[in-house]
C-alpha atoms as a PDB file:
ATOM      1  CA  MET A   1       1.367 -49.618  -7.663  1.00  0.00           C
ATOM      2  CA  PRO A   2       3.017 -52.948  -7.952  1.00  0.00           C
ATOM      3  CA  GLN A   3       2.768 -52.753 -11.797  1.00  0.00           C
ATOM      4  CA  HIS A   4       4.840 -49.692 -11.800  1.00  0.00           C
ATOM      5  CA  TYR A   5       7.953 -51.100  -9.818  1.00  0.00           C
ATOM      6  CA  ASP A   6      10.263 -51.515 -12.886  1.00  0.00           C
ATOM      7  CA  ILE A   7       9.434 -47.984 -14.209  1.00  0.00           C
ATOM      8  CA  ALA A   8       9.369 -46.125 -10.906  1.00  0.00           C
ATOM      9  CA  ASP A   9      12.153 -43.700 -11.964  1.00  0.00           C
ATOM     10  CA  LYS A  10      10.523 -42.745 -15.156  1.00  0.00           C
ATOM     11  CA  LEU A  11       7.121 -42.407 -13.352  1.00  0.00           C
ATOM     12  CA  ILE A  12       8.736 -40.158 -10.655  1.00  0.00           C
ATOM     13  CA  GLU A  13      10.178 -37.863 -13.370  1.00  0.00           C
ATOM     14  CA  ALA A  14       6.745 -37.734 -15.108  1.00  0.00           C
ATOM     15  CA  PHE A  15       5.122 -36.733 -11.805  1.00  0.00           C
ATOM     16  CA  LYS A  16       7.805 -33.999 -11.353  1.00  0.00           C
ATOM     17  CA  SER A  17       7.295 -32.718 -14.751  1.00  0.00           C
ATOM     18  CA  CYS A  18       3.465 -32.451 -14.312  1.00  0.00           C
ATOM     19  CA  ILE A  19       3.870 -30.732 -10.968  1.00  0.00           C
ATOM     20  CA  GLU A  20       6.197 -28.338 -12.346  1.00  0.00           C
ATOM     21  CA  LYS A  21       3.819 -27.600 -15.280  1.00  0.00           C
ATOM     22  CA  ILE A  22       0.904 -27.051 -12.926  1.00  0.00           C
ATOM     23  CA  HIS A  23       3.099 -24.743 -10.708  1.00  0.00           C
ATOM     24  CA  LEU A  24       3.945 -22.622 -13.701  1.00  0.00           C
ATOM     25  CA  ASN A  25       0.310 -22.732 -14.984  1.00  0.00           C
ATOM     26  CA  PRO A  26      -1.990 -23.085 -12.084  1.00  0.00           C
ATOM     27  CA  GLU A  27      -5.112 -22.490 -14.384  1.00  0.00           C
ATOM     28  CA  LEU A  28      -4.481 -25.838 -15.959  1.00  0.00           C
ATOM     29  CA  TYR A  29      -5.358 -27.712 -12.720  1.00  0.00           C
ATOM     30  CA  GLU A  30      -8.737 -26.098 -12.566  1.00  0.00           C
ATOM     31  CA  SER A  31      -9.549 -26.810 -16.167  1.00  0.00           C
ATOM     32  CA  GLU A  32      -8.717 -30.408 -16.251  1.00  0.00           C
ATOM     33  CA  SER A  33     -10.705 -33.340 -14.692  1.00  0.00           C
ATOM     34  CA  LYS A  34     -10.617 -34.253 -11.078  1.00  0.00           C
ATOM     35  CA  ALA A  35      -9.785 -37.398  -9.459  1.00  0.00           C
ATOM     36  CA  VAL A  36     -12.239 -40.208  -9.319  1.00  0.00           C
ATOM     37  CA  TYR A  37     -12.232 -40.449  -5.551  1.00  0.00           C
ATOM     38  CA  GLY A  38     -14.343 -37.265  -5.337  1.00  0.00           C
ATOM     39  CA  MET A  39     -16.976 -38.644  -7.717  1.00  0.00           C
ATOM     40  CA  MET A  40     -17.218 -41.782  -5.680  1.00  0.00           C
ATOM     41  CA  ALA A  41     -18.358 -39.814  -2.656  1.00  0.00           C
ATOM     42  CA  ASP A  42     -21.461 -38.845  -4.659  1.00  0.00           C
ATOM     43  CA  ILE A  43     -22.636 -42.432  -5.215  1.00  0.00           C
ATOM     44  CA  PRO A  44     -25.561 -42.828  -2.859  1.00  0.00           C
ATOM     45  CA  ASP A  45     -25.328 -46.665  -2.514  1.00  0.00           C
ATOM     46  CA  GLU A  46     -22.283 -47.451  -0.454  1.00  0.00           C
ATOM     47  CA  ALA A  47     -22.359 -51.245  -1.522  1.00  0.00           C
ATOM     48  CA  VAL A  48     -21.626 -50.065  -5.123  1.00  0.00           C
ATOM     49  CA  THR A  49     -18.683 -48.153  -3.942  1.00  0.00           C
ATOM     50  CA  GLU A  50     -17.292 -51.031  -1.709  1.00  0.00           C
ATOM     51  CA  GLU A  51     -17.695 -53.573  -4.434  1.00  0.00           C
ATOM     52  CA  PHE A  52     -15.864 -51.434  -7.078  1.00  0.00           C
ATOM     53  CA  LEU A  53     -13.146 -50.698  -4.655  1.00  0.00           C
ATOM     54  CA  ALA A  54     -12.697 -54.444  -3.753  1.00  0.00           C
ATOM     55  CA  PHE A  55     -12.721 -55.253  -7.580  1.00  0.00           C
ATOM     56  CA  PHE A  56     -10.307 -52.359  -8.193  1.00  0.00           C
ATOM     57  CA  MET A  57      -7.801 -53.351  -5.373  1.00  0.00           C
ATOM     58  CA  ASP A  58      -7.744 -57.014  -6.499  1.00  0.00           C
ATOM     59  CA  GLU A  59      -6.834 -56.005 -10.088  1.00  0.00           C
ATOM     60  CA  ILE A  60      -4.141 -53.629  -9.035  1.00  0.00           C
ATOM     61  CA  TYR A  61      -2.327 -56.054  -6.641  1.00  0.00           C
ATOM     62  CA  ARG A  62      -2.683 -58.942  -9.001  1.00  0.00           C
ATOM     63  CA  TYR A  63       0.950 -58.502  -9.993  1.00  0.00           C
ATOM     64  CA  ARG A  64       2.067 -60.313 -13.055  1.00  0.00           C
ATOM     65  CA  GLU A  65       5.681 -60.374 -14.087  1.00  0.00           C
END
């Protein structure tokens, strides 16, 4: 995401740490919450999903320095 550009190295290290933790403890993955993307597939009205995604993407790419 554009907001993470300045902290990309720290973010990558955090991802690596999380991945290592899950590899060492795979049961943690099953017990934690899942991504929002799967939940969005269950929304019956596609217009709601499209509106949310348009708003979400606008907010993400509104880069402020």
